[in-house]
Every structure is written in C-alpha cells, then in structure tokens.
Amino acid sequence: MEYIQQFLYAFGRWINSPEVLNLVANNRFFLILLVIVLVRLKYQTYSSMWATALVNIPGTVLHELMHYMVGAVFNAKPCNFTIFPRRGVDGGYVMGSVGFRNIRAYNAVPAAMAPLLLLFIGFYLNRYFLPTIHLTAINYVLYVLLQTIIIENAMPSGADFRVAGTYAQGVIIYALAAGLLMYKLLF
C-alpha cells in the first residue's frame, strides 16, 4: 500500500511540474487528444439512457436555459422546461426541451438559435478566466471538460433548426442582419 502512495505522490509531482504543464497546456495536439478522449468517454455512456442523461445534464441545462431565456426576452413565451431524457420518435434520446406558446417570424430564429450564445461564454472563459487560475493538471483537465461541455452544447439541434426555419421571412431578416454585422466587423 505504501508503494502505491509513493507512486501516486511521485506521479502527482511529475504531472504538475512546470515543464510537463507547459508542454501539455501549450500544445494543441494534447488539447485535441484530451477533447477526443473526453468525447469518447461520453459516447461510451450512450448504451444507457440514464447514464447518458447523467453525463449530459450540465450541457443540457445550459442549452435549454439559453432557449428559455432568449425565448422569454423575445416574447416567445416559454411554457415548459425539461431536462429529463426520453426516447425520441427516431429511437434516439431527447435530453431536454423547451416549449414555446408564441413562436412568430421575429422570435423563431433567436429562440431556436439561442444556444449559440454559449460560444461567447466559452470565449469569455478562455480569454479572461483561464489566465487567472493556477495551472495544475486537474485544473487544466477540468477547464477542458468545461469548455467541451459549453462548446458542444452551443450547437443547435436538428429540432432547433426546424423551429428557426418555420418562418422564411424571419430567417431572411436575421441572415441579412448577421451578414451586415459581419461586414461591419470585418471592414
């Protein structure tokens, strides 16, 4: 038992040494490798609906909360909020949902594409939070896990795209506004 404790202590000192932390934290290869390992571990839970739900709850809450808040701001009148998993019509899992009573041309796109706002949160964390934390192996892995959850759940689902495309005039208006904004930012 003492050998195991000595090994763990030595491993902890090695993995948290400045040389190893700099090598791992400043190397995109290791970052990509860590993200892929985390995603693979996540997909291993997909044989069980409840294991899948447990692993996906933090991201599902963030994703659905964005729908709910933006829907409320744009008067889409959110009427339900659930993060409890259920089987979808196609046989896959539906992790959560938000229902709306007042989807119209002016609010369908923002309410449906609201999870994209999580990308700004992820960017903010990367830009302003990461430099302030003490770099350890555990902190780095937790940071990558948090960013993976945020970015993965920022992606709108197929149902989100269907809701956003409900009103063609809304899609056109928001596409033009996004194009104008991109033009102003780039030129």
N, C-alpha and C. Protein backbone atom coordinates (compact mmCIF):
# COMPACT_ATOMS: atom_id res chain seq x y z
N MET A 1 0.81 -1.19 0.00
CA MET A 1 0.00 0.00 0.00
C MET A 1 0.86 1.27 0.00
N GLU A 2 1.97 1.20 0.73
CA GLU A 2 2.86 2.35 0.79
C GLU A 2 3.49 2.64 -0.56
N TYR A 3 3.76 1.59 -1.35
CA TYR A 3 4.32 1.77 -2.69
C TYR A 3 3.35 2.52 -3.60
N ILE A 4 2.08 2.21 -3.46
CA ILE A 4 1.06 2.88 -4.27
C ILE A 4 1.01 4.36 -3.90
N GLN A 5 1.04 4.67 -2.62
CA GLN A 5 1.03 6.06 -2.19
C GLN A 5 2.27 6.80 -2.69
N GLN A 6 3.41 6.17 -2.63
CA GLN A 6 4.64 6.78 -3.11
C GLN A 6 4.56 7.03 -4.61
N PHE A 7 4.03 6.03 -5.34
CA PHE A 7 3.89 6.19 -6.79
C PHE A 7 2.95 7.35 -7.12
N LEU A 8 1.79 7.41 -6.46
CA LEU A 8 0.83 8.48 -6.71
C LEU A 8 1.42 9.85 -6.37
N TYR A 9 2.17 9.91 -5.29
CA TYR A 9 2.81 11.17 -4.92
C TYR A 9 3.82 11.59 -5.99
N ALA A 10 4.66 10.66 -6.42
CA ALA A 10 5.66 10.97 -7.44
C ALA A 10 5.00 11.34 -8.76
N PHE A 11 3.93 10.62 -9.13
CA PHE A 11 3.22 10.93 -10.37
C PHE A 11 2.59 12.32 -10.29
N GLY A 12 2.00 12.65 -9.14
CA GLY A 12 1.39 13.97 -8.95
C GLY A 12 2.42 15.08 -9.06
N ARG A 13 3.59 14.88 -8.49
CA ARG A 13 4.67 15.87 -8.60
C ARG A 13 5.12 16.02 -10.05
N TRP A 14 5.22 14.89 -10.77
CA TRP A 14 5.68 14.94 -12.16
C TRP A 14 4.64 15.62 -13.05
N ILE A 15 3.37 15.22 -12.93
CA ILE A 15 2.33 15.76 -13.82
C ILE A 15 2.09 17.25 -13.56
N ASN A 16 2.36 17.71 -12.34
CA ASN A 16 2.16 19.12 -12.01
C ASN A 16 3.44 19.93 -12.08
N SER A 17 4.52 19.33 -12.58
CA SER A 17 5.76 20.09 -12.74
C SER A 17 5.58 21.13 -13.83
N PRO A 18 6.21 22.28 -13.71
CA PRO A 18 6.05 23.34 -14.71
C PRO A 18 6.38 22.89 -16.13
N GLU A 19 7.37 22.02 -16.27
CA GLU A 19 7.76 21.57 -17.61
C GLU A 19 6.64 20.78 -18.28
N VAL A 20 6.07 19.83 -17.53
CA VAL A 20 5.00 18.99 -18.09
C VAL A 20 3.75 19.83 -18.33
N LEU A 21 3.39 20.70 -17.38
CA LEU A 21 2.19 21.53 -17.55
C LEU A 21 2.34 22.45 -18.76
N ASN A 22 3.49 23.06 -18.94
CA ASN A 22 3.69 23.91 -20.11
C ASN A 22 3.62 23.11 -21.40
N LEU A 23 4.21 21.91 -21.39
CA LEU A 23 4.17 21.07 -22.59
C LEU A 23 2.73 20.72 -22.95
N VAL A 24 1.93 20.34 -21.97
CA VAL A 24 0.55 19.92 -22.23
C VAL A 24 -0.35 21.12 -22.52
N ALA A 25 -0.28 22.14 -21.69
CA ALA A 25 -1.20 23.28 -21.82
C ALA A 25 -0.93 24.13 -23.05
N ASN A 26 0.29 24.14 -23.55
CA ASN A 26 0.62 24.98 -24.69
C ASN A 26 0.80 24.18 -25.97
N ASN A 27 0.25 22.99 -26.02
CA ASN A 27 0.39 22.14 -27.18
C ASN A 27 -1.00 21.75 -27.69
N ARG A 28 -1.34 22.18 -28.87
CA ARG A 28 -2.68 21.90 -29.41
C ARG A 28 -2.93 20.41 -29.60
N PHE A 29 -1.88 19.65 -29.88
CA PHE A 29 -2.05 18.21 -30.05
C PHE A 29 -2.63 17.59 -28.79
N PHE A 30 -2.05 17.92 -27.62
CA PHE A 30 -2.54 17.35 -26.37
C PHE A 30 -3.95 17.84 -26.04
N LEU A 31 -4.23 19.09 -26.39
CA LEU A 31 -5.58 19.62 -26.17
C LEU A 31 -6.61 18.84 -26.99
N ILE A 32 -6.32 18.65 -28.27
CA ILE A 32 -7.23 17.90 -29.15
C ILE A 32 -7.36 16.46 -28.67
N LEU A 33 -6.26 15.87 -28.28
CA LEU A 33 -6.28 14.50 -27.76
C LEU A 33 -7.17 14.41 -26.52
N LEU A 34 -7.04 15.35 -25.61
CA LEU A 34 -7.85 15.35 -24.39
C LEU A 34 -9.33 15.51 -24.72
N VAL A 35 -9.66 16.40 -25.64
CA VAL A 35 -11.06 16.59 -26.03
C VAL A 35 -11.63 15.31 -26.65
N ILE A 36 -10.87 14.67 -27.51
CA ILE A 36 -11.34 13.43 -28.14
C ILE A 36 -11.53 12.33 -27.11
N VAL A 37 -10.62 12.23 -26.16
CA VAL A 37 -10.77 11.23 -25.10
C VAL A 37 -12.03 11.51 -24.29
N LEU A 38 -12.26 12.77 -23.93
CA LEU A 38 -13.47 13.12 -23.17
C LEU A 38 -14.74 12.80 -23.95
N VAL A 39 -14.75 13.12 -25.23
CA VAL A 39 -15.93 12.84 -26.06
C VAL A 39 -16.15 11.34 -26.20
N ARG A 40 -15.08 10.58 -26.39
CA ARG A 40 -15.21 9.12 -26.48
C ARG A 40 -15.76 8.53 -25.19
N LEU A 41 -15.26 9.02 -24.06
CA LEU A 41 -15.79 8.54 -22.78
C LEU A 41 -17.27 8.87 -22.65
N LYS A 42 -17.64 10.02 -23.14
CA LYS A 42 -19.06 10.41 -23.10
C LYS A 42 -19.90 9.48 -23.95
N TYR A 43 -19.44 9.17 -25.15
CA TYR A 43 -20.21 8.30 -26.04
C TYR A 43 -20.31 6.87 -25.54
N GLN A 44 -19.40 6.47 -24.65
CA GLN A 44 -19.48 5.13 -24.07
C GLN A 44 -20.72 4.97 -23.20
N THR A 45 -21.28 6.09 -22.74
CA THR A 45 -22.47 6.01 -21.88
C THR A 45 -23.75 5.88 -22.68
N TYR A 46 -23.71 5.97 -23.99
CA TYR A 46 -24.92 6.03 -24.79
C TYR A 46 -25.70 4.72 -24.86
N SER A 47 -25.19 3.65 -24.27
CA SER A 47 -25.96 2.41 -24.26
C SER A 47 -27.04 2.45 -23.18
N SER A 48 -26.95 3.38 -22.26
CA SER A 48 -27.93 3.52 -21.19
C SER A 48 -28.49 4.94 -21.21
N MET A 49 -29.80 5.06 -21.26
CA MET A 49 -30.42 6.38 -21.30
C MET A 49 -30.08 7.17 -20.04
N TRP A 50 -30.06 6.53 -18.88
CA TRP A 50 -29.82 7.25 -17.63
C TRP A 50 -28.36 7.63 -17.46
N ALA A 51 -27.44 6.78 -17.91
CA ALA A 51 -26.03 7.16 -17.88
C ALA A 51 -25.78 8.32 -18.84
N THR A 52 -26.42 8.26 -19.99
CA THR A 52 -26.32 9.35 -20.96
C THR A 52 -26.85 10.64 -20.36
N ALA A 53 -28.00 10.56 -19.70
CA ALA A 53 -28.59 11.75 -19.10
C ALA A 53 -27.68 12.34 -18.03
N LEU A 54 -27.10 11.49 -17.20
CA LEU A 54 -26.22 11.95 -16.14
C LEU A 54 -25.01 12.69 -16.69
N VAL A 55 -24.41 12.14 -17.73
CA VAL A 55 -23.24 12.76 -18.34
C VAL A 55 -23.62 14.06 -19.06
N ASN A 56 -24.82 14.11 -19.63
CA ASN A 56 -25.22 15.26 -20.44
C ASN A 56 -25.98 16.34 -19.68
N ILE A 57 -26.31 16.11 -18.42
CA ILE A 57 -27.14 17.07 -17.69
C ILE A 57 -26.53 18.48 -17.65
N PRO A 58 -25.26 18.65 -17.33
CA PRO A 58 -24.75 20.04 -17.28
C PRO A 58 -24.91 20.77 -18.61
N GLY A 59 -24.56 20.12 -19.70
CA GLY A 59 -24.69 20.76 -21.01
C GLY A 59 -26.14 20.94 -21.42
N THR A 60 -26.99 19.98 -21.08
CA THR A 60 -28.41 20.09 -21.41
C THR A 60 -29.03 21.27 -20.69
N VAL A 61 -28.69 21.45 -19.43
CA VAL A 61 -29.22 22.58 -18.66
C VAL A 61 -28.80 23.89 -19.33
N LEU A 62 -27.52 24.01 -19.69
CA LEU A 62 -27.04 25.23 -20.35
C LEU A 62 -27.77 25.47 -21.67
N HIS A 63 -27.88 24.43 -22.50
CA HIS A 63 -28.51 24.53 -23.81
C HIS A 63 -29.97 24.98 -23.68
N GLU A 64 -30.71 24.29 -22.83
CA GLU A 64 -32.14 24.60 -22.69
C GLU A 64 -32.37 25.93 -21.99
N LEU A 65 -31.47 26.28 -21.06
CA LEU A 65 -31.59 27.57 -20.39
C LEU A 65 -31.43 28.72 -21.38
N MET A 66 -30.54 28.56 -22.34
CA MET A 66 -30.39 29.60 -23.38
C MET A 66 -31.68 29.76 -24.18
N HIS A 67 -32.28 28.61 -24.59
CA HIS A 67 -33.57 28.69 -25.29
C HIS A 67 -34.59 29.43 -24.44
N TYR A 68 -34.70 29.05 -23.18
CA TYR A 68 -35.71 29.61 -22.29
C TYR A 68 -35.52 31.12 -22.12
N MET A 69 -34.28 31.54 -21.81
CA MET A 69 -34.03 32.96 -21.54
C MET A 69 -34.23 33.82 -22.79
N VAL A 70 -33.68 33.39 -23.92
CA VAL A 70 -33.82 34.18 -25.13
C VAL A 70 -35.29 34.17 -25.59
N GLY A 71 -35.95 33.02 -25.46
CA GLY A 71 -37.37 32.95 -25.79
C GLY A 71 -38.19 33.91 -24.95
N ALA A 72 -37.86 34.02 -23.66
CA ALA A 72 -38.58 34.95 -22.79
C ALA A 72 -38.32 36.40 -23.19
N VAL A 73 -37.06 36.72 -23.51
CA VAL A 73 -36.71 38.08 -23.91
C VAL A 73 -37.41 38.47 -25.22
N PHE A 74 -37.52 37.52 -26.16
CA PHE A 74 -38.12 37.80 -27.46
C PHE A 74 -39.62 37.48 -27.51
N ASN A 75 -40.25 37.33 -26.36
CA ASN A 75 -41.69 37.12 -26.26
C ASN A 75 -42.17 35.84 -26.94
N ALA A 76 -41.36 34.80 -26.93
CA ALA A 76 -41.80 33.51 -27.47
C ALA A 76 -42.64 32.75 -26.43
N LYS A 77 -42.70 33.27 -25.23
CA LYS A 77 -43.49 32.71 -24.13
C LYS A 77 -43.17 31.24 -23.85
N PRO A 78 -42.01 30.99 -23.26
CA PRO A 78 -41.67 29.60 -22.91
C PRO A 78 -42.72 29.03 -21.96
N CYS A 79 -43.16 27.81 -22.24
CA CYS A 79 -44.23 27.24 -21.43
C CYS A 79 -43.80 25.98 -20.69
N ASN A 80 -42.69 25.40 -21.05
CA ASN A 80 -42.17 24.27 -20.27
C ASN A 80 -40.67 24.18 -20.45
N PHE A 81 -40.06 23.52 -19.48
CA PHE A 81 -38.60 23.37 -19.46
C PHE A 81 -38.33 22.01 -18.85
N THR A 82 -37.68 21.15 -19.59
CA THR A 82 -37.36 19.84 -19.04
C THR A 82 -35.96 19.41 -19.45
N ILE A 83 -35.31 18.76 -18.51
CA ILE A 83 -34.01 18.16 -18.79
C ILE A 83 -34.07 16.65 -18.59
N PHE A 84 -35.27 16.14 -18.40
CA PHE A 84 -35.44 14.70 -18.22
C PHE A 84 -35.40 14.02 -19.58
N PRO A 85 -34.57 13.00 -19.72
CA PRO A 85 -34.44 12.34 -21.03
C PRO A 85 -35.66 11.49 -21.37
N ARG A 86 -35.88 11.37 -22.66
CA ARG A 86 -36.94 10.49 -23.16
C ARG A 86 -36.53 9.98 -24.53
N ARG A 87 -37.16 8.90 -24.94
CA ARG A 87 -36.89 8.36 -26.28
C ARG A 87 -37.58 9.24 -27.31
N GLY A 88 -36.83 9.57 -28.35
CA GLY A 88 -37.40 10.34 -29.44
C GLY A 88 -38.14 9.43 -30.41
N VAL A 89 -38.83 10.02 -31.33
CA VAL A 89 -39.58 9.28 -32.34
C VAL A 89 -38.65 8.42 -33.19
N ASP A 90 -37.44 8.93 -33.44
CA ASP A 90 -36.47 8.22 -34.28
C ASP A 90 -35.71 7.14 -33.51
N GLY A 91 -36.00 6.96 -32.23
CA GLY A 91 -35.32 5.94 -31.43
C GLY A 91 -34.15 6.48 -30.64
N GLY A 92 -33.70 7.70 -30.94
CA GLY A 92 -32.61 8.31 -30.19
C GLY A 92 -33.13 8.93 -28.91
N TYR A 93 -32.24 9.54 -28.16
CA TYR A 93 -32.62 10.18 -26.91
C TYR A 93 -32.84 11.67 -27.12
N VAL A 94 -33.85 12.20 -26.47
CA VAL A 94 -34.07 13.64 -26.39
C VAL A 94 -33.72 14.01 -24.96
N MET A 95 -32.66 14.78 -24.78
CA MET A 95 -32.15 15.07 -23.43
C MET A 95 -32.98 16.12 -22.71
N GLY A 96 -33.52 17.06 -23.44
CA GLY A 96 -34.29 18.13 -22.81
C GLY A 96 -35.04 18.90 -23.87
N SER A 97 -35.89 19.79 -23.41
CA SER A 97 -36.64 20.61 -24.37
C SER A 97 -37.24 21.82 -23.67
N VAL A 98 -37.54 22.80 -24.48
CA VAL A 98 -38.27 23.99 -24.03
C VAL A 98 -39.39 24.18 -25.02
N GLY A 99 -40.60 24.33 -24.53
CA GLY A 99 -41.74 24.60 -25.39
C GLY A 99 -42.06 26.09 -25.39
N PHE A 100 -42.60 26.56 -26.50
CA PHE A 100 -42.97 27.97 -26.62
C PHE A 100 -44.42 28.07 -27.08
N ARG A 101 -45.13 29.08 -26.58
CA ARG A 101 -46.53 29.30 -26.98
C ARG A 101 -46.67 30.38 -28.03
N ASN A 102 -45.62 31.13 -28.31
CA ASN A 102 -45.78 32.31 -29.17
C ASN A 102 -44.63 32.42 -30.17
N ILE A 103 -44.38 31.37 -30.93
CA ILE A 103 -43.32 31.44 -31.95
C ILE A 103 -43.85 32.21 -33.16
N ARG A 104 -43.13 33.26 -33.52
CA ARG A 104 -43.50 34.11 -34.65
C ARG A 104 -42.25 34.37 -35.49
N ALA A 105 -42.43 35.06 -36.60
CA ALA A 105 -41.31 35.32 -37.52
C ALA A 105 -40.19 36.09 -36.84
N TYR A 106 -40.51 37.00 -35.95
CA TYR A 106 -39.49 37.82 -35.31
C TYR A 106 -38.74 37.11 -34.18
N ASN A 107 -39.30 36.01 -33.63
CA ASN A 107 -38.62 35.39 -32.50
C ASN A 107 -38.23 33.92 -32.72
N ALA A 108 -38.61 33.34 -33.84
CA ALA A 108 -38.30 31.93 -34.07
C ALA A 108 -36.79 31.70 -34.16
N VAL A 109 -36.09 32.51 -34.92
CA VAL A 109 -34.64 32.34 -35.10
C VAL A 109 -33.89 32.59 -33.78
N PRO A 110 -34.13 33.71 -33.08
CA PRO A 110 -33.38 33.89 -31.84
C PRO A 110 -33.68 32.82 -30.78
N ALA A 111 -34.93 32.43 -30.63
CA ALA A 111 -35.27 31.41 -29.62
C ALA A 111 -34.65 30.07 -29.98
N ALA A 112 -34.65 29.71 -31.25
CA ALA A 112 -34.12 28.41 -31.67
C ALA A 112 -32.59 28.38 -31.69
N MET A 113 -31.97 29.47 -32.07
CA MET A 113 -30.50 29.51 -32.18
C MET A 113 -29.83 30.04 -30.92
N ALA A 114 -30.59 30.23 -29.86
CA ALA A 114 -30.07 30.78 -28.60
C ALA A 114 -28.85 30.05 -28.04
N PRO A 115 -28.75 28.72 -28.16
CA PRO A 115 -27.56 28.06 -27.60
C PRO A 115 -26.23 28.56 -28.18
N LEU A 116 -26.27 29.17 -29.36
CA LEU A 116 -25.03 29.72 -29.92
C LEU A 116 -24.41 30.77 -29.01
N LEU A 117 -25.22 31.38 -28.13
CA LEU A 117 -24.68 32.35 -27.18
C LEU A 117 -23.68 31.71 -26.22
N LEU A 118 -23.77 30.41 -26.05
CA LEU A 118 -22.80 29.71 -25.20
C LEU A 118 -21.38 29.86 -25.74
N LEU A 119 -21.24 30.06 -27.04
CA LEU A 119 -19.90 30.26 -27.61
C LEU A 119 -19.25 31.52 -27.04
N PHE A 120 -20.03 32.56 -26.80
CA PHE A 120 -19.49 33.77 -26.20
C PHE A 120 -19.05 33.52 -24.76
N ILE A 121 -19.82 32.70 -24.04
CA ILE A 121 -19.43 32.34 -22.67
C ILE A 121 -18.13 31.56 -22.69
N GLY A 122 -18.02 30.60 -23.59
CA GLY A 122 -16.79 29.83 -23.72
C GLY A 122 -15.60 30.71 -24.07
N PHE A 123 -15.82 31.65 -24.98
CA PHE A 123 -14.75 32.58 -25.37
C PHE A 123 -14.34 33.44 -24.18
N TYR A 124 -15.31 33.95 -23.44
CA TYR A 124 -15.02 34.77 -22.26
C TYR A 124 -14.21 33.98 -21.24
N LEU A 125 -14.62 32.75 -20.96
CA LEU A 125 -13.88 31.91 -20.01
C LEU A 125 -12.44 31.70 -20.47
N ASN A 126 -12.27 31.45 -21.76
CA ASN A 126 -10.93 31.22 -22.29
C ASN A 126 -10.08 32.48 -22.21
N ARG A 127 -10.68 33.60 -22.52
CA ARG A 127 -9.92 34.85 -22.60
C ARG A 127 -9.62 35.47 -21.24
N TYR A 128 -10.61 35.43 -20.33
CA TYR A 128 -10.47 36.18 -19.09
C TYR A 128 -10.37 35.31 -17.83
N PHE A 129 -10.88 34.08 -17.87
CA PHE A 129 -10.86 33.24 -16.68
C PHE A 129 -9.64 32.33 -16.64
N LEU A 130 -9.34 31.68 -17.76
CA LEU A 130 -8.22 30.74 -17.80
C LEU A 130 -6.90 31.37 -17.34
N PRO A 131 -6.56 32.59 -17.77
CA PRO A 131 -5.28 33.16 -17.32
C PRO A 131 -5.22 33.42 -15.80
N THR A 132 -6.37 33.45 -15.12
CA THR A 132 -6.36 33.77 -13.70
C THR A 132 -6.25 32.54 -12.80
N ILE A 133 -6.48 31.34 -13.35
CA ILE A 133 -6.44 30.16 -12.48
C ILE A 133 -5.02 29.61 -12.41
N HIS A 134 -4.72 29.03 -11.28
CA HIS A 134 -3.42 28.39 -11.08
C HIS A 134 -3.38 27.12 -11.92
N LEU A 135 -2.38 26.99 -12.76
CA LEU A 135 -2.30 25.86 -13.68
C LEU A 135 -1.81 24.61 -12.97
N THR A 136 -2.70 23.63 -12.85
CA THR A 136 -2.35 22.29 -12.40
C THR A 136 -2.97 21.33 -13.39
N ALA A 137 -2.58 20.09 -13.33
CA ALA A 137 -3.13 19.09 -14.26
C ALA A 137 -4.63 18.97 -14.07
N ILE A 138 -5.09 18.93 -12.83
CA ILE A 138 -6.52 18.80 -12.56
C ILE A 138 -7.28 20.02 -13.06
N ASN A 139 -6.76 21.23 -12.78
CA ASN A 139 -7.41 22.45 -13.26
C ASN A 139 -7.51 22.47 -14.77
N TYR A 140 -6.45 22.04 -15.43
CA TYR A 140 -6.44 22.05 -16.89
C TYR A 140 -7.47 21.06 -17.46
N VAL A 141 -7.51 19.86 -16.90
CA VAL A 141 -8.49 18.87 -17.36
C VAL A 141 -9.91 19.37 -17.09
N LEU A 142 -10.15 19.95 -15.93
CA LEU A 142 -11.49 20.48 -15.63
C LEU A 142 -11.86 21.64 -16.56
N TYR A 143 -10.88 22.49 -16.86
CA TYR A 143 -11.12 23.58 -17.81
C TYR A 143 -11.49 23.04 -19.19
N VAL A 144 -10.73 22.06 -19.68
CA VAL A 144 -11.02 21.47 -20.99
C VAL A 144 -12.39 20.79 -20.96
N LEU A 145 -12.71 20.10 -19.88
CA LEU A 145 -14.02 19.46 -19.75
C LEU A 145 -15.13 20.51 -19.79
N LEU A 146 -14.98 21.59 -19.05
CA LEU A 146 -15.98 22.65 -19.04
C LEU A 146 -16.14 23.27 -20.43
N GLN A 147 -15.04 23.57 -21.08
CA GLN A 147 -15.12 24.16 -22.42
C GLN A 147 -15.74 23.18 -23.42
N THR A 148 -15.42 21.89 -23.28
CA THR A 148 -16.01 20.89 -24.17
C THR A 148 -17.51 20.84 -23.99
N ILE A 149 -17.96 20.88 -22.74
CA ILE A 149 -19.41 20.87 -22.46
C ILE A 149 -20.06 22.11 -23.04
N ILE A 150 -19.46 23.27 -22.81
CA ILE A 150 -20.05 24.53 -23.28
C ILE A 150 -20.12 24.55 -24.81
N ILE A 151 -19.02 24.25 -25.47
CA ILE A 151 -18.98 24.36 -26.93
C ILE A 151 -19.85 23.30 -27.59
N GLU A 152 -19.80 22.08 -27.08
CA GLU A 152 -20.62 21.02 -27.67
C GLU A 152 -22.11 21.33 -27.55
N ASN A 153 -22.52 21.91 -26.44
CA ASN A 153 -23.94 22.21 -26.24
C ASN A 153 -24.36 23.55 -26.82
N ALA A 154 -23.42 24.29 -27.38
CA ALA A 154 -23.75 25.52 -28.09
C ALA A 154 -24.31 25.22 -29.48
N MET A 155 -24.08 24.01 -29.95
CA MET A 155 -24.53 23.65 -31.28
C MET A 155 -26.04 23.37 -31.28
N PRO A 156 -26.78 24.07 -32.12
CA PRO A 156 -28.23 23.83 -32.20
C PRO A 156 -28.52 22.43 -32.73
N SER A 157 -29.61 21.86 -32.25
CA SER A 157 -30.02 20.53 -32.67
C SER A 157 -30.82 20.62 -33.97
N GLY A 158 -31.15 19.47 -34.52
CA GLY A 158 -32.00 19.43 -35.71
C GLY A 158 -33.35 20.06 -35.45
N ALA A 159 -33.91 19.81 -34.27
CA ALA A 159 -35.20 20.42 -33.91
C ALA A 159 -35.06 21.94 -33.83
N ASP A 160 -33.92 22.42 -33.35
CA ASP A 160 -33.70 23.87 -33.28
C ASP A 160 -33.70 24.48 -34.68
N PHE A 161 -33.05 23.81 -35.62
CA PHE A 161 -33.03 24.32 -37.00
C PHE A 161 -34.43 24.29 -37.61
N ARG A 162 -35.20 23.26 -37.30
CA ARG A 162 -36.58 23.20 -37.83
C ARG A 162 -37.42 24.35 -37.30
N VAL A 163 -37.29 24.66 -36.01
CA VAL A 163 -38.04 25.78 -35.44
C VAL A 163 -37.58 27.10 -36.05
N ALA A 164 -36.27 27.26 -36.19
CA ALA A 164 -35.74 28.50 -36.76
C ALA A 164 -36.22 28.70 -38.20
N GLY A 165 -36.37 27.63 -38.94
CA GLY A 165 -36.79 27.72 -40.34
C GLY A 165 -38.29 27.78 -40.54
N THR A 166 -39.04 27.85 -39.46
CA THR A 166 -40.50 27.88 -39.55
C THR A 166 -40.99 29.08 -40.35
N TYR A 167 -40.36 30.22 -40.17
CA TYR A 167 -40.78 31.44 -40.86
C TYR A 167 -39.65 31.93 -41.76
N ALA A 168 -39.83 31.81 -43.07
CA ALA A 168 -38.79 32.19 -44.03
C ALA A 168 -38.43 33.67 -43.90
N GLN A 169 -39.41 34.52 -43.68
CA GLN A 169 -39.11 35.95 -43.57
C GLN A 169 -38.22 36.23 -42.35
N GLY A 170 -38.39 35.51 -41.27
CA GLY A 170 -37.53 35.67 -40.10
C GLY A 170 -36.11 35.23 -40.40
N VAL A 171 -35.98 34.11 -41.12
CA VAL A 171 -34.64 33.62 -41.49
C VAL A 171 -33.95 34.64 -42.37
N ILE A 172 -34.66 35.21 -43.32
CA ILE A 172 -34.07 36.20 -44.22
C ILE A 172 -33.64 37.45 -43.46
N ILE A 173 -34.49 37.93 -42.58
CA ILE A 173 -34.17 39.14 -41.81
C ILE A 173 -32.93 38.92 -40.94
N TYR A 174 -32.89 37.81 -40.23
CA TYR A 174 -31.74 37.56 -39.35
C TYR A 174 -30.48 37.22 -40.15
N ALA A 175 -30.62 36.59 -41.30
CA ALA A 175 -29.45 36.32 -42.15
C ALA A 175 -28.88 37.64 -42.67
N LEU A 176 -29.74 38.56 -43.08
CA LEU A 176 -29.27 39.86 -43.54
C LEU A 176 -28.62 40.65 -42.40
N ALA A 177 -29.23 40.61 -41.22
CA ALA A 177 -28.65 41.31 -40.06
C ALA A 177 -27.29 40.72 -39.70
N ALA A 178 -27.16 39.40 -39.73
CA ALA A 178 -25.88 38.76 -39.42
C ALA A 178 -24.84 39.11 -40.48
N GLY A 179 -25.25 39.11 -41.74
CA GLY A 179 -24.34 39.48 -42.82
C GLY A 179 -23.87 40.92 -42.68
N LEU A 180 -24.77 41.82 -42.36
CA LEU A 180 -24.41 43.23 -42.16
C LEU A 180 -23.46 43.38 -40.98
N LEU A 181 -23.74 42.68 -39.90
CA LEU A 181 -22.86 42.73 -38.73
C LEU A 181 -21.46 42.20 -39.07
N MET A 182 -21.40 41.09 -39.79
CA MET A 182 -20.10 40.54 -40.20
C MET A 182 -19.35 41.52 -41.10
N TYR A 183 -20.07 42.16 -42.01
CA TYR A 183 -19.46 43.14 -42.90
C TYR A 183 -18.86 44.30 -42.09
N LYS A 184 -19.63 44.79 -41.12
CA LYS A 184 -19.17 45.91 -40.29
C LYS A 184 -17.95 45.52 -39.46
N LEU A 185 -17.95 44.27 -38.95
CA LEU A 185 -16.84 43.82 -38.13
C LEU A 185 -15.57 43.59 -38.95
N LEU A 186 -15.74 43.13 -40.18
CA LEU A 186 -14.58 42.80 -41.00
C LEU A 186 -14.04 43.97 -41.81
N PHE A 187 -14.89 44.95 -42.12
CA PHE A 187 -14.44 46.05 -42.99
C PHE A 187 -14.62 47.39 -42.37
